[in-house]
Amino acid sequence: MLVETLRRQLFVPPISAVQSKYEASLAPKITPEDAHINWATWNADELELRAEMLGEVWTELGYETESPETPRKRTILYGVKALVDWTPELDIPTGCFRYVKRGYEEIMVLKCKDEGWVHVGSVKVEGKREIEGGTWIRSLQKRGIGRKFY
C-alpha cells in the first residue's frame, strides 16, 4: 500500500516552515511556587485554570484571627472547579471556606477574589491523608468555624 501511494503521488507535500517575526524562546520552568494560590490576584477562573494545568494548588491553613507571623500547615487542594451560575448566601472574606449541603451532596466552597466561588474536590493537609472536601469541612464544623486559607 505504501509503494502504491508513492507511485500515484497521493502523499501530502512537505509543510513549509511558518514565517514569524518573533524569535523562538523557552518557557520558564514550572516551580512549586507557581501552584501557590495568590489570594490577592487570583479569581475563581484563574484558580481553576491553575489547578487543571498543574494538577493541584496549595496554600496555608490557619484561623482568621491569627497573626500573619503564625506558622501554618501547607494544604493541597485537588479537583478545584469554578462554580458558575451559583452564589451561596454567605458573606465571608476571600480565602475563607464553608460547608454547603446541596441535596444529598456535601461540598466545600471557597471564596475567591471578585466574588467568585470554587468547589474543592479533596484536601490534603500537611501530615494528614487526602480526604474528600465535603467530609473534611464537615469535620471542621464540629470544632467551630473560622478557618481560612492564606
Protein backbone atom coordinates (compact mmCIF):
# COMPACT_ATOMS: atom_id res chain seq x y z
CA MET A 1 0.00 0.00 0.00
CA LEU A 2 2.92 2.33 0.74
CA VAL A 3 4.53 1.64 -2.65
CA GLU A 4 1.22 2.26 -4.46
CA THR A 5 0.71 5.56 -2.62
CA LEU A 6 4.19 6.74 -3.58
CA ARG A 7 3.79 5.73 -7.26
CA ARG A 8 0.48 7.58 -7.56
CA GLN A 9 1.86 10.55 -5.59
CA LEU A 10 -1.08 10.57 -3.19
CA PHE A 11 1.04 11.92 -0.36
CA VAL A 12 0.84 15.40 1.12
CA PRO A 13 3.71 17.67 0.09
CA PRO A 14 6.07 18.75 2.86
CA ILE A 15 4.75 21.52 5.05
CA SER A 16 6.72 24.73 4.80
CA ALA A 17 8.01 26.36 7.97
CA VAL A 18 5.87 29.08 9.49
CA GLN A 19 7.38 32.50 8.99
CA SER A 20 7.32 34.71 12.09
CA LYS A 21 9.00 37.92 13.15
CA TYR A 22 9.36 36.55 16.70
CA GLU A 23 12.38 34.61 17.83
CA ALA A 24 11.84 31.20 19.40
CA SER A 25 12.24 31.11 23.17
CA LEU A 26 11.86 28.67 26.01
CA ALA A 27 9.08 28.96 28.57
CA PRO A 28 10.18 29.43 32.18
CA LYS A 29 10.43 26.28 34.28
CA ILE A 30 7.36 25.48 36.39
CA THR A 31 8.18 25.59 40.10
CA PRO A 32 6.13 24.61 43.17
CA GLU A 33 5.62 28.33 43.81
CA ASP A 34 3.57 28.54 40.58
CA ALA A 35 0.93 26.39 42.30
CA HIS A 36 0.87 28.57 45.44
CA ILE A 37 -2.50 30.36 45.49
CA ASN A 38 -2.25 34.13 45.39
CA TRP A 39 -5.46 35.27 47.10
CA ALA A 40 -4.90 38.92 46.21
CA THR A 41 -4.87 38.38 42.44
CA TRP A 42 -6.42 35.02 41.51
CA ASN A 43 -10.15 34.86 40.81
CA ALA A 44 -12.18 31.64 40.54
CA ASP A 45 -11.34 31.11 36.85
CA GLU A 46 -7.59 31.61 37.43
CA LEU A 47 -7.67 29.19 40.38
CA GLU A 48 -9.49 26.54 38.34
CA LEU A 49 -7.12 27.02 35.38
CA ARG A 50 -4.01 26.65 37.54
CA ALA A 51 -5.43 23.58 39.29
CA GLU A 52 -6.31 21.99 35.96
CA MET A 53 -2.94 22.85 34.43
CA LEU A 54 -0.77 21.80 37.39
CA GLY A 55 -2.98 19.05 38.86
CA GLU A 56 -3.06 20.65 42.30
CA VAL A 57 -2.69 24.01 44.00
CA TRP A 58 -1.58 24.74 47.55
CA THR A 59 -1.89 27.33 50.26
CA GLU A 60 -1.59 27.60 54.06
CA LEU A 61 -4.31 26.80 56.59
CA GLY A 62 -4.93 28.93 59.67
CA TYR A 63 -7.54 30.70 61.76
CA GLU A 64 -9.00 34.04 60.67
CA THR A 65 -7.95 35.62 63.98
CA GLU A 66 -4.27 34.54 63.81
CA SER A 67 -1.48 36.99 63.18
CA PRO A 68 0.38 36.78 59.84
CA GLU A 69 3.55 35.53 61.56
CA THR A 70 1.87 32.40 62.95
CA PRO A 71 3.27 29.17 61.41
CA ARG A 72 0.68 27.41 59.26
CA LYS A 73 0.30 23.97 57.71
CA ARG A 74 0.63 23.59 53.96
CA THR A 75 -2.66 22.45 52.41
CA ILE A 76 -3.02 20.96 48.93
CA LEU A 77 -6.33 21.34 47.07
CA TYR A 78 -7.36 18.85 44.38
CA GLY A 79 -10.27 18.91 41.92
CA VAL A 80 -10.86 22.66 42.05
CA LYS A 81 -13.79 23.74 39.85
CA ALA A 82 -15.27 27.23 39.48
CA LEU A 83 -18.94 27.43 40.44
CA VAL A 84 -20.86 29.01 37.57
CA ASP A 85 -24.37 30.43 37.98
CA TRP A 86 -24.35 29.76 41.71
CA THR A 87 -23.76 32.18 44.53
CA PRO A 88 -24.16 30.95 48.09
CA GLU A 89 -25.74 33.31 50.58
CA LEU A 90 -22.52 33.63 52.55
CA ASP A 91 -20.77 36.85 53.40
CA ILE A 92 -17.20 35.75 54.09
CA PRO A 93 -13.79 37.21 53.20
CA THR A 94 -11.59 35.99 50.34
CA GLY A 95 -9.73 32.78 51.20
CA CYS A 96 -12.39 31.52 53.61
CA PHE A 97 -14.22 28.25 53.07
CA ARG A 98 -17.52 26.83 54.21
CA TYR A 99 -19.57 23.65 54.22
CA VAL A 100 -22.61 23.61 51.91
CA LYS A 101 -25.15 20.84 51.50
CA ARG A 102 -26.86 20.71 48.11
CA GLY A 103 -29.44 17.94 48.08
CA TYR A 104 -27.57 14.81 49.16
CA GLU A 105 -24.20 16.24 48.23
CA GLU A 106 -21.87 17.76 50.81
CA ILE A 107 -19.42 20.18 49.25
CA MET A 108 -16.69 22.55 50.31
CA VAL A 109 -16.91 26.01 48.76
CA LEU A 110 -14.10 28.52 48.78
CA LYS A 111 -14.40 32.29 48.30
CA CYS A 112 -12.05 33.82 45.71
CA LYS A 113 -11.31 37.35 44.59
CA ASP A 114 -14.09 39.30 42.78
CA GLU A 115 -16.95 37.42 44.46
CA GLY A 116 -16.00 34.16 42.69
CA TRP A 117 -16.55 30.75 44.28
CA VAL A 118 -14.92 27.35 43.68
CA HIS A 119 -15.79 23.82 44.69
CA VAL A 120 -12.91 21.80 46.14
CA GLY A 121 -12.90 18.06 45.39
CA SER A 122 -10.42 16.94 48.04
CA VAL A 123 -7.95 18.36 50.55
CA LYS A 124 -4.60 17.17 51.91
CA VAL A 125 -3.29 18.96 54.99
CA GLU A 126 0.41 18.61 55.75
CA GLY A 127 0.97 15.44 57.78
CA LYS A 128 -2.52 14.03 57.07
CA ARG A 129 -4.05 11.89 54.35
CA GLU A 130 -6.08 13.21 51.42
CA ILE A 131 -9.79 13.46 52.22
CA GLU A 132 -12.90 14.49 50.26
CA GLY A 133 -13.58 18.23 50.62
CA GLY A 134 -17.16 17.97 51.94
CA THR A 135 -16.17 15.38 54.55
CA TRP A 136 -13.16 17.41 55.67
CA ILE A 137 -15.09 20.65 56.08
CA ARG A 138 -17.91 18.86 57.93
CA SER A 139 -15.37 17.50 60.42
CA LEU A 140 -14.03 21.03 60.97
CA GLN A 141 -17.52 22.35 61.71
CA LYS A 142 -17.63 20.19 64.82
CA ARG A 143 -14.59 22.10 66.11
CA GLY A 144 -16.01 25.53 65.21
CA ILE A 145 -15.72 27.65 62.09
CA GLY A 146 -13.37 30.50 61.38
CA ARG A 147 -10.61 28.79 59.46
CA LYS A 148 -9.09 30.42 56.42
CA PHE A 149 -6.53 29.77 53.70
CA TYR A 150 -3.62 32.20 53.37
